Amino acid sequence: MNIYTRQFVANCPNNGQPIIYNLRIETASRMIQVEHILTAATLIGRGYHEEIADELHRRFGGRQTLRAHHHGVDIETIREDA
């Protein structure tokens, strides 16, 4: 099992306020290059939490958990390979 974690910031699409996200990617044995995770996180400028989770899962697969605190509401999404 490989586990990768990354914290990044993206802006809320409704009001432009920065939101801090915590990403966790788990893969059974597949390696993900750290530079690819860093680049993907940097390219997310804004978006809805669930859409960000979908995009990251499309890009990296595995089992992913994305957490953030959105203006008083905690959101956690989990995406897994089928």
PDB file of N, CA and C in Angstrom:
ATOM      1  N   MET A   1       0.857  -1.179   0.000  1.00  0.00           N
ATOM      2  CA  MET A   1       0.000   0.000   0.000  1.00  0.00           C
ATOM      3  C   MET A   1       0.894   1.230   0.000  1.00  0.00           C
ATOM      4  N   ASN A   2       0.614   2.153  -0.901  1.00  0.00           N
ATOM      5  CA  ASN A   2       1.290   3.457  -0.930  1.00  0.00           C
ATOM      6  C   ASN A   2       0.285   4.514  -0.502  1.00  0.00           C
ATOM      7  N   ILE A   3       0.695   5.430   0.337  1.00  0.00           N
ATOM      8  CA  ILE A   3      -0.168   6.502   0.818  1.00  0.00           C
ATOM      9  C   ILE A   3       0.536   7.832   0.593  1.00  0.00           C
ATOM     10  N   TYR A   4      -0.172   8.733  -0.076  1.00  0.00           N
ATOM     11  CA  TYR A   4       0.343  10.060  -0.367  1.00  0.00           C
ATOM     12  C   TYR A   4      -0.614  11.078   0.252  1.00  0.00           C
ATOM     13  N   THR A   5      -0.079  12.099   0.894  1.00  0.00           N
ATOM     14  CA  THR A   5      -0.920  13.161   1.436  1.00  0.00           C
ATOM     15  C   THR A   5      -0.377  14.506   0.965  1.00  0.00           C
ATOM     16  N   ARG A   6      -1.300  15.425   0.757  1.00  0.00           N
ATOM     17  CA  ARG A   6      -0.911  16.764   0.311  1.00  0.00           C
ATOM     18  C   ARG A   6      -1.954  17.774   0.774  1.00  0.00           C
ATOM     19  N   GLN A   7      -1.496  18.888   1.268  1.00  0.00           N
ATOM     20  CA  GLN A   7      -2.377  20.000   1.605  1.00  0.00           C
ATOM     21  C   GLN A   7      -2.211  21.048   0.512  1.00  0.00           C
ATOM     22  N   PHE A   8      -3.332  21.631   0.071  1.00  0.00           N
ATOM     23  CA  PHE A   8      -3.280  22.668  -0.944  1.00  0.00           C
ATOM     24  C   PHE A   8      -4.433  23.638  -0.743  1.00  0.00           C
ATOM     25  N   VAL A   9      -4.364  24.762  -1.432  1.00  0.00           N
ATOM     26  CA  VAL A   9      -5.383  25.800  -1.310  1.00  0.00           C
ATOM     27  C   VAL A   9      -6.023  26.027  -2.668  1.00  0.00           C
ATOM     28  N   ALA A  10      -7.337  26.148  -2.674  1.00  0.00           N
ATOM     29  CA  ALA A  10      -8.088  26.539  -3.879  1.00  0.00           C
ATOM     30  C   ALA A  10      -9.148  27.536  -3.445  1.00  0.00           C
ATOM     31  N   ASN A  11      -9.557  28.364  -4.369  1.00  0.00           N
ATOM     32  CA  ASN A  11     -10.540  29.391  -4.049  1.00  0.00           C
ATOM     33  C   ASN A  11     -11.966  28.892  -4.247  1.00  0.00           C
ATOM     34  N   CYS A  12     -12.845  29.328  -3.376  1.00  0.00           N
ATOM     35  CA  CYS A  12     -14.264  29.007  -3.469  1.00  0.00           C
ATOM     36  C   CYS A  12     -14.811  29.633  -4.759  1.00  0.00           C
ATOM     37  N   PRO A  13     -15.545  28.873  -5.580  1.00  0.00           N
ATOM     38  CA  PRO A  13     -16.078  29.436  -6.819  1.00  0.00           C
ATOM     39  C   PRO A  13     -17.199  30.450  -6.575  1.00  0.00           C
ATOM     40  N   ASN A  14     -17.791  30.456  -5.397  1.00  0.00           N
ATOM     41  CA  ASN A  14     -18.886  31.382  -5.105  1.00  0.00           C
ATOM     42  C   ASN A  14     -18.410  32.742  -4.635  1.00  0.00           C
ATOM     43  N   ASN A  15     -17.389  32.762  -3.757  1.00  0.00           N
ATOM     44  CA  ASN A  15     -16.975  34.059  -3.203  1.00  0.00           C
ATOM     45  C   ASN A  15     -15.469  34.324  -3.293  1.00  0.00           C
ATOM     46  N   GLY A  16     -14.720  33.389  -3.884  1.00  0.00           N
ATOM     47  CA  GLY A  16     -13.294  33.600  -4.084  1.00  0.00           C
ATOM     48  C   GLY A  16     -12.420  33.435  -2.854  1.00  0.00           C
ATOM     49  N   GLN A  17     -13.015  33.092  -1.706  1.00  0.00           N
ATOM     50  CA  GLN A  17     -12.240  32.917  -0.476  1.00  0.00           C
ATOM     51  C   GLN A  17     -11.381  31.647  -0.564  1.00  0.00           C
ATOM     52  N   PRO A  18     -10.162  31.694  -0.036  1.00  0.00           N
ATOM     53  CA  PRO A  18      -9.303  30.507  -0.062  1.00  0.00           C
ATOM     54  C   PRO A  18      -9.812  29.428   0.891  1.00  0.00           C
ATOM     55  N   ILE A  19      -9.718  28.196   0.432  1.00  0.00           N
ATOM     56  CA  ILE A  19     -10.114  27.029   1.223  1.00  0.00           C
ATOM     57  C   ILE A  19      -8.925  26.075   1.256  1.00  0.00           C
ATOM     58  N   ILE A  20      -8.585  25.603   2.429  1.00  0.00           N
ATOM     59  CA  ILE A  20      -7.473  24.660   2.589  1.00  0.00           C
ATOM     60  C   ILE A  20      -8.022  23.242   2.490  1.00  0.00           C
ATOM     61  N   TYR A  21      -7.450  22.475   1.579  1.00  0.00           N
ATOM     62  CA  TYR A  21      -7.848  21.083   1.347  1.00  0.00           C
ATOM     63  C   TYR A  21      -6.756  20.150   1.850  1.00  0.00           C
ATOM     64  N   ASN A  22      -7.161  18.981   2.308  1.00  0.00           N
ATOM     65  CA  ASN A  22      -6.239  17.914   2.684  1.00  0.00           C
ATOM     66  C   ASN A  22      -6.594  16.685   1.861  1.00  0.00           C
ATOM     67  N   LEU A  23      -5.650  16.248   1.054  1.00  0.00           N
ATOM     68  CA  LEU A  23      -5.842  15.124   0.150  1.00  0.00           C
ATOM     69  C   LEU A  23      -5.052  13.921   0.640  1.00  0.00           C
ATOM     70  N   ARG A  24      -5.677  12.755   0.572  1.00  0.00           N
ATOM     71  CA  ARG A  24      -5.007  11.488   0.890  1.00  0.00           C
ATOM     72  C   ARG A  24      -5.299  10.529  -0.257  1.00  0.00           C
ATOM     73  N   ILE A  25      -4.249  10.007  -0.864  1.00  0.00           N
ATOM     74  CA  ILE A  25      -4.380   9.039  -1.945  1.00  0.00           C
ATOM     75  C   ILE A  25      -3.750   7.732  -1.486  1.00  0.00           C
ATOM     76  N   GLU A  26      -4.499   6.643  -1.623  1.00  0.00           N
ATOM     77  CA  GLU A  26      -3.994   5.307  -1.292  1.00  0.00           C
ATOM     78  C   GLU A  26      -4.030   4.457  -2.558  1.00  0.00           C
ATOM     79  N   THR A  27      -2.917   3.809  -2.861  1.00  0.00           N
ATOM     80  CA  THR A  27      -2.873   2.889  -3.993  1.00  0.00           C
ATOM     81  C   THR A  27      -2.374   1.540  -3.503  1.00  0.00           C
ATOM     82  N   ALA A  28      -2.899   0.477  -4.094  1.00  0.00           N
ATOM     83  CA  ALA A  28      -2.516  -0.869  -3.670  1.00  0.00           C
ATOM     84  C   ALA A  28      -1.028  -1.098  -3.890  1.00  0.00           C
ATOM     85  N   SER A  29      -0.536  -0.772  -5.060  1.00  0.00           N
ATOM     86  CA  SER A  29       0.899  -0.949  -5.318  1.00  0.00           C
ATOM     87  C   SER A  29       1.420   0.054  -6.341  1.00  0.00           C
ATOM     88  N   ARG A  30       0.533   0.744  -7.022  1.00  0.00           N
ATOM     89  CA  ARG A  30       0.939   1.687  -8.070  1.00  0.00           C
ATOM     90  C   ARG A  30       1.647   2.890  -7.463  1.00  0.00           C
ATOM     91  N   MET A  31       2.722   3.299  -8.121  1.00  0.00           N
ATOM     92  CA  MET A  31       3.474   4.464  -7.674  1.00  0.00           C
ATOM     93  C   MET A  31       2.936   5.713  -8.377  1.00  0.00           C
ATOM     94  N   ILE A  32       2.815   6.800  -7.629  1.00  0.00           N
ATOM     95  CA  ILE A  32       2.467   8.099  -8.198  1.00  0.00           C
ATOM     96  C   ILE A  32       3.661   9.017  -7.946  1.00  0.00           C
ATOM     97  N   GLN A  33       4.111   9.678  -8.973  1.00  0.00           N
ATOM     98  CA  GLN A  33       5.233  10.580  -8.794  1.00  0.00           C
ATOM     99  C   GLN A  33       4.791  11.809  -8.002  1.00  0.00           C
ATOM    100  N   VAL A  34       5.583  12.147  -7.011  1.00  0.00           N
ATOM    101  CA  VAL A  34       5.280  13.291  -6.146  1.00  0.00           C
ATOM    102  C   VAL A  34       5.088  14.556  -6.967  1.00  0.00           C
ATOM    103  N   GLU A  35       5.909  14.740  -7.978  1.00  0.00           N
ATOM    104  CA  GLU A  35       5.812  15.943  -8.808  1.00  0.00           C
ATOM    105  C   GLU A  35       4.456  16.047  -9.496  1.00  0.00           C
ATOM    106  N   HIS A  36       3.858  14.912  -9.840  1.00  0.00           N
ATOM    107  CA  HIS A  36       2.538  14.927 -10.475  1.00  0.00           C
ATOM    108  C   HIS A  36       1.463  15.372  -9.483  1.00  0.00           C
ATOM    109  N   ILE A  37       1.584  14.944  -8.247  1.00  0.00           N
ATOM    110  CA  ILE A  37       0.634  15.378  -7.215  1.00  0.00           C
ATOM    111  C   ILE A  37       0.792  16.875  -6.970  1.00  0.00           C
ATOM    112  N   LEU A  38       2.018  17.345  -6.863  1.00  0.00           N
ATOM    113  CA  LEU A  38       2.270  18.774  -6.636  1.00  0.00           C
ATOM    114  C   LEU A  38       1.705  19.619  -7.773  1.00  0.00           C
ATOM    115  N   THR A  39       1.927  19.179  -9.005  1.00  0.00           N
ATOM    116  CA  THR A  39       1.434  19.923 -10.161  1.00  0.00           C
ATOM    117  C   THR A  39      -0.096  19.948 -10.187  1.00  0.00           C
ATOM    118  N   ALA A  40      -0.716  18.807  -9.950  1.00  0.00           N
ATOM    119  CA  ALA A  40      -2.185  18.740  -9.966  1.00  0.00           C
ATOM    120  C   ALA A  40      -2.778  19.660  -8.909  1.00  0.00           C
ATOM    121  N   ALA A  41      -2.197  19.662  -7.730  1.00  0.00           N
ATOM    122  CA  ALA A  41      -2.709  20.510  -6.652  1.00  0.00           C
ATOM    123  C   ALA A  41      -2.528  21.986  -6.994  1.00  0.00           C
ATOM    124  N   THR A  42      -1.428  22.329  -7.631  1.00  0.00           N
ATOM    125  CA  THR A  42      -1.166  23.712  -8.014  1.00  0.00           C
ATOM    126  C   THR A  42      -2.136  24.183  -9.095  1.00  0.00           C
ATOM    127  N   LEU A  43      -2.526  23.304  -9.989  1.00  0.00           N
ATOM    128  CA  LEU A  43      -3.390  23.677 -11.107  1.00  0.00           C
ATOM    129  C   LEU A  43      -4.846  23.890 -10.700  1.00  0.00           C
ATOM    130  N   ILE A  44      -5.226  23.437  -9.513  1.00  0.00           N
ATOM    131  CA  ILE A  44      -6.604  23.630  -9.057  1.00  0.00           C
ATOM    132  C   ILE A  44      -6.713  25.046  -8.509  1.00  0.00           C
ATOM    133  N   GLY A  45      -7.253  25.918  -9.294  1.00  0.00           N
ATOM    134  CA  GLY A  45      -7.371  27.307  -8.872  1.00  0.00           C
ATOM    135  C   GLY A  45      -8.638  27.568  -8.084  1.00  0.00           C
ATOM    136  N   ARG A  46      -9.724  26.957  -8.529  1.00  0.00           N
ATOM    137  CA  ARG A  46     -11.004  27.102  -7.851  1.00  0.00           C
ATOM    138  C   ARG A  46     -11.891  25.963  -8.298  1.00  0.00           C
ATOM    139  N   GLY A  47     -12.942  25.728  -7.558  1.00  0.00           N
ATOM    140  CA  GLY A  47     -13.882  24.673  -7.921  1.00  0.00           C
ATOM    141  C   GLY A  47     -14.656  24.204  -6.718  1.00  0.00           C
ATOM    142  N   TYR A  48     -15.741  23.522  -6.979  1.00  0.00           N
ATOM    143  CA  TYR A  48     -16.531  22.929  -5.907  1.00  0.00           C
ATOM    144  C   TYR A  48     -15.825  21.683  -5.399  1.00  0.00           C
ATOM    145  N   HIS A  49     -15.931  21.456  -4.126  1.00  0.00           N
ATOM    146  CA  HIS A  49     -15.226  20.369  -3.448  1.00  0.00           C
ATOM    147  C   HIS A  49     -15.393  19.036  -4.194  1.00  0.00           C
ATOM    148  N   GLU A  50     -16.624  18.675  -4.482  1.00  0.00           N
ATOM    149  CA  GLU A  50     -16.898  17.378  -5.104  1.00  0.00           C
ATOM    150  C   GLU A  50     -16.310  17.292  -6.516  1.00  0.00           C
ATOM    151  N   GLU A  51     -16.301  18.411  -7.239  1.00  0.00           N
ATOM    152  CA  GLU A  51     -15.706  18.419  -8.574  1.00  0.00           C
ATOM    153  C   GLU A  51     -14.191  18.279  -8.503  1.00  0.00           C
ATOM    154  N   ILE A  52     -13.577  18.902  -7.513  1.00  0.00           N
ATOM    155  CA  ILE A  52     -12.140  18.752  -7.308  1.00  0.00           C
ATOM    156  C   ILE A  52     -11.815  17.295  -6.997  1.00  0.00           C
ATOM    157  N   ALA A  53     -12.613  16.676  -6.127  1.00  0.00           N
ATOM    158  CA  ALA A  53     -12.400  15.265  -5.783  1.00  0.00           C
ATOM    159  C   ALA A  53     -12.512  14.379  -7.019  1.00  0.00           C
ATOM    160  N   ASP A  54     -13.510  14.645  -7.862  1.00  0.00           N
ATOM    161  CA  ASP A  54     -13.689  13.852  -9.087  1.00  0.00           C
ATOM    162  C   ASP A  54     -12.490  13.993 -10.019  1.00  0.00           C
ATOM    163  N   GLU A  55     -12.014  15.222 -10.201  1.00  0.00           N
ATOM    164  CA  GLU A  55     -10.885  15.467 -11.092  1.00  0.00           C
ATOM    165  C   GLU A  55      -9.615  14.779 -10.585  1.00  0.00           C
ATOM    166  N   LEU A  56      -9.338  14.885  -9.300  1.00  0.00           N
ATOM    167  CA  LEU A  56      -8.150  14.232  -8.740  1.00  0.00           C
ATOM    168  C   LEU A  56      -8.245  12.715  -8.858  1.00  0.00           C
ATOM    169  N   HIS A  57      -9.440  12.169  -8.671  1.00  0.00           N
ATOM    170  CA  HIS A  57      -9.606  10.719  -8.787  1.00  0.00           C
ATOM    171  C   HIS A  57      -9.423  10.273 -10.235  1.00  0.00           C
ATOM    172  N   ARG A  58      -9.946  11.030 -11.185  1.00  0.00           N
ATOM    173  CA  ARG A  58      -9.724  10.694 -12.595  1.00  0.00           C
ATOM    174  C   ARG A  58      -8.234  10.679 -12.918  1.00  0.00           C
ATOM    175  N   ARG A  59      -7.524  11.621 -12.338  1.00  0.00           N
ATOM    176  CA  ARG A  59      -6.098  11.763 -12.637  1.00  0.00           C
ATOM    177  C   ARG A  59      -5.251  10.662 -11.990  1.00  0.00           C
ATOM    178  N   PHE A  60      -5.525  10.317 -10.718  1.00  0.00           N
ATOM    179  CA  PHE A  60      -4.638   9.426  -9.972  1.00  0.00           C
ATOM    180  C   PHE A  60      -5.247   8.086  -9.595  1.00  0.00           C
ATOM    181  N   GLY A  61      -6.569   7.974  -9.563  1.00  0.00           N
ATOM    182  CA  GLY A  61      -7.205   6.711  -9.184  1.00  0.00           C
ATOM    183  C   GLY A  61      -6.955   6.360  -7.729  1.00  0.00           C
ATOM    184  N   GLY A  62      -7.073   5.072  -7.434  1.00  0.00           N
ATOM    185  CA  GLY A  62      -6.876   4.592  -6.067  1.00  0.00           C
ATOM    186  C   GLY A  62      -8.062   4.918  -5.174  1.00  0.00           C
ATOM    187  N   ARG A  63      -7.793   4.997  -3.893  1.00  0.00           N
ATOM    188  CA  ARG A  63      -8.796   5.415  -2.911  1.00  0.00           C
ATOM    189  C   ARG A  63      -8.359   6.786  -2.416  1.00  0.00           C
ATOM    190  N   GLN A  64      -9.228   7.766  -2.583  1.00  0.00           N
ATOM    191  CA  GLN A  64      -8.866   9.130  -2.221  1.00  0.00           C
ATOM    192  C   GLN A  64      -9.861   9.715  -1.236  1.00  0.00           C
ATOM    193  N   THR A  65      -9.322  10.425  -0.271  1.00  0.00           N
ATOM    194  CA  THR A  65     -10.135  11.175   0.678  1.00  0.00           C
ATOM    195  C   THR A  65      -9.722  12.634   0.576  1.00  0.00           C
ATOM    196  N   LEU A  66     -10.719  13.498   0.375  1.00  0.00           N
ATOM    197  CA  LEU A  66     -10.469  14.932   0.296  1.00  0.00           C
ATOM    198  C   LEU A  66     -11.281  15.601   1.391  1.00  0.00           C
ATOM    199  N   ARG A  67     -10.596  16.362   2.243  1.00  0.00           N
ATOM    200  CA  ARG A  67     -11.248  17.039   3.373  1.00  0.00           C
ATOM    201  C   ARG A  67     -10.989  18.539   3.286  1.00  0.00           C
ATOM    202  N   ALA A  68     -11.995  19.308   3.726  1.00  0.00           N
ATOM    203  CA  ALA A  68     -11.835  20.763   3.805  1.00  0.00           C
ATOM    204  C   ALA A  68     -12.911  21.334   4.717  1.00  0.00           C
ATOM    205  N   HIS A  69     -12.660  22.526   5.174  1.00  0.00           N
ATOM    206  CA  HIS A  69     -13.592  23.271   6.021  1.00  0.00           C
ATOM    207  C   HIS A  69     -14.073  24.457   5.196  1.00  0.00           C
ATOM    208  N   HIS A  70     -15.319  24.381   4.739  1.00  0.00           N
ATOM    209  CA  HIS A  70     -15.894  25.391   3.856  1.00  0.00           C
ATOM    210  C   HIS A  70     -16.806  26.319   4.641  1.00  0.00           C
ATOM    211  N   HIS A  71     -16.309  27.458   5.026  1.00  0.00           N
ATOM    212  CA  HIS A  71     -17.140  28.495   5.637  1.00  0.00           C
ATOM    213  C   HIS A  71     -18.037  27.953   6.748  1.00  0.00           C
ATOM    214  N   GLY A  72     -17.457  27.154   7.641  1.00  0.00           N
ATOM    215  CA  GLY A  72     -18.199  26.629   8.779  1.00  0.00           C
ATOM    216  C   GLY A  72     -18.733  25.223   8.594  1.00  0.00           C
ATOM    217  N   VAL A  73     -18.551  24.643   7.406  1.00  0.00           N
ATOM    218  CA  VAL A  73     -19.039  23.285   7.139  1.00  0.00           C
ATOM    219  C   VAL A  73     -17.849  22.411   6.774  1.00  0.00           C
ATOM    220  N   ASP A  74     -17.703  21.282   7.472  1.00  0.00           N
ATOM    221  CA  ASP A  74     -16.662  20.318   7.124  1.00  0.00           C
ATOM    222  C   ASP A  74     -17.197  19.395   6.040  1.00  0.00           C
ATOM    223  N   ILE A  75     -16.406  19.213   4.991  1.00  0.00           N
ATOM    224  CA  ILE A  75     -16.785  18.313   3.895  1.00  0.00           C
ATOM    225  C   ILE A  75     -15.682  17.278   3.738  1.00  0.00           C
ATOM    226  N   GLU A  76     -16.085  16.041   3.576  1.00  0.00           N
ATOM    227  CA  GLU A  76     -15.155  14.950   3.293  1.00  0.00           C
ATOM    228  C   GLU A  76     -15.742  14.138   2.167  1.00  0.00           C
ATOM    229  N   THR A  77     -14.957  13.929   1.125  1.00  0.00           N
ATOM    230  CA  THR A  77     -15.389  13.060   0.030  1.00  0.00           C
ATOM    231  C   THR A  77     -14.415  11.899  -0.085  1.00  0.00           C
ATOM    232  N   ILE A  78     -14.955  10.769  -0.452  1.00  0.00           N
ATOM    233  CA  ILE A  78     -14.139   9.572  -0.678  1.00  0.00           C
ATOM    234  C   ILE A  78     -14.447   9.073  -2.070  1.00  0.00           C
ATOM    235  N   ARG A  79     -13.412   8.865  -2.836  1.00  0.00           N
ATOM    236  CA  ARG A  79     -13.533   8.312  -4.191  1.00  0.00           C
ATOM    237  C   ARG A  79     -12.679   7.067  -4.237  1.00  0.00           C
ATOM    238  N   GLU A  80     -13.236   5.986  -4.831  1.00  0.00           N
ATOM    239  CA  GLU A  80     -12.509   4.723  -4.933  1.00  0.00           C
ATOM    240  C   GLU A  80     -12.639   4.156  -6.322  1.00  0.00           C
ATOM    241  N   ASP A  81     -11.607   3.413  -6.737  1.00  0.00           N
ATOM    242  CA  ASP A  81     -11.699   2.675  -7.986  1.00  0.00           C
ATOM    243  C   ASP A  81     -12.791   1.623  -7.853  1.00  0.00           C
ATOM    244  N   ALA A  82     -13.459   1.361  -8.941  1.00  0.00           N
ATOM    245  CA  ALA A  82     -14.557   0.373  -8.932  1.00  0.00           C
ATOM    246  C   ALA A  82     -14.057  -1.029  -8.775  1.00  0.00           C
TER     247      ALA A  82
END
